């Protein structure tokens, strides 16, 4: 379930699903506490598998477990 970014525990550094409500994107992302920045997967074929910095997410969700 999507949760507002204000509810995120910024001491965590696991991978999450992130989204930006107004810009309509969903990406895999990770919070880096020592840098105090979000990094997440790219949106084009050149950066698709790299982590890049960008817009702040508005919502987050734990990655669902596989069946």
Protein backbone atom coordinates (compact mmCIF):
# COMPACT_ATOMS: atom_id res chain seq x y z
CA UNK A 1 0.00 0.00 0.00
CA UNK A 2 1.32 3.45 -0.92
CA UNK A 3 2.16 5.74 1.98
CA UNK A 4 2.93 9.48 2.01
CA UNK A 5 6.64 10.24 2.04
CA UNK A 6 6.17 12.03 5.40
CA UNK A 7 5.66 8.60 7.01
CA UNK A 8 8.99 7.19 5.77
CA UNK A 9 11.58 6.09 8.36
CA UNK A 10 14.71 7.93 7.21
CA UNK A 11 17.00 5.66 9.24
CA UNK A 12 16.32 2.81 6.79
CA UNK A 13 18.46 2.08 3.73
CA UNK A 14 16.60 -0.74 1.98
CA UNK A 15 15.14 -0.66 -1.54
CA UNK A 16 11.58 0.61 -1.93
CA UNK A 17 9.05 1.45 -4.60
CA UNK A 18 8.77 5.22 -4.92
CA UNK A 19 6.36 7.40 -6.83
CA UNK A 20 5.73 11.02 -7.65
CA UNK A 21 1.99 11.69 -7.73
CA UNK A 22 1.97 14.82 -9.92
CA UNK A 23 4.72 13.75 -12.34
CA UNK A 24 3.25 10.23 -12.60
CA UNK A 25 6.37 8.09 -12.18
CA UNK A 26 7.12 4.90 -10.22
CA UNK A 27 10.70 3.72 -9.64
CA UNK A 28 12.78 1.43 -7.48
CA UNK A 29 14.65 3.59 -5.02
CA UNK A 30 16.84 3.73 -1.96
CA UNK A 31 17.43 6.34 0.76
CA UNK A 32 21.08 6.95 1.63
CA UNK A 33 21.10 8.22 5.23
CA UNK A 34 24.74 9.34 5.21
CA UNK A 35 24.09 11.51 2.11
CA UNK A 36 20.50 12.39 3.06
CA UNK A 37 19.36 11.83 -0.53
CA UNK A 38 17.09 9.55 -2.53
CA UNK A 39 18.56 7.66 -5.48
CA UNK A 40 16.43 5.58 -7.78
CA UNK A 41 16.38 3.68 -11.04
CA UNK A 42 16.57 5.64 -14.26
CA UNK A 43 13.79 6.27 -16.71
CA UNK A 44 15.53 5.91 -20.05
CA UNK A 45 17.46 3.17 -21.79
CA UNK A 46 20.86 4.65 -20.88
CA UNK A 47 20.23 4.85 -17.15
CA UNK A 48 17.70 2.05 -16.80
CA UNK A 49 19.88 -0.07 -14.53
CA UNK A 50 21.82 2.70 -12.78
CA UNK A 51 20.81 4.71 -9.77
CA UNK A 52 20.36 8.39 -10.53
CA UNK A 53 19.36 11.39 -8.47
CA UNK A 54 16.20 13.25 -9.35
CA UNK A 55 12.87 14.60 -8.14
CA UNK A 56 11.89 13.85 -4.56
CA UNK A 57 9.24 11.11 -4.30
CA UNK A 58 5.82 11.94 -2.85
CA UNK A 59 4.94 8.35 -1.81
CA UNK A 60 6.73 5.13 -0.91
CA UNK A 61 5.93 1.44 -0.48
CA UNK A 62 7.85 -1.67 0.57
CA UNK A 63 8.62 -3.97 -2.33
CA UNK A 64 6.09 -6.83 -2.13
CA UNK A 65 7.41 -10.29 -1.37
CA UNK A 66 7.38 -12.82 -4.16
CA UNK A 67 4.73 -15.55 -3.99
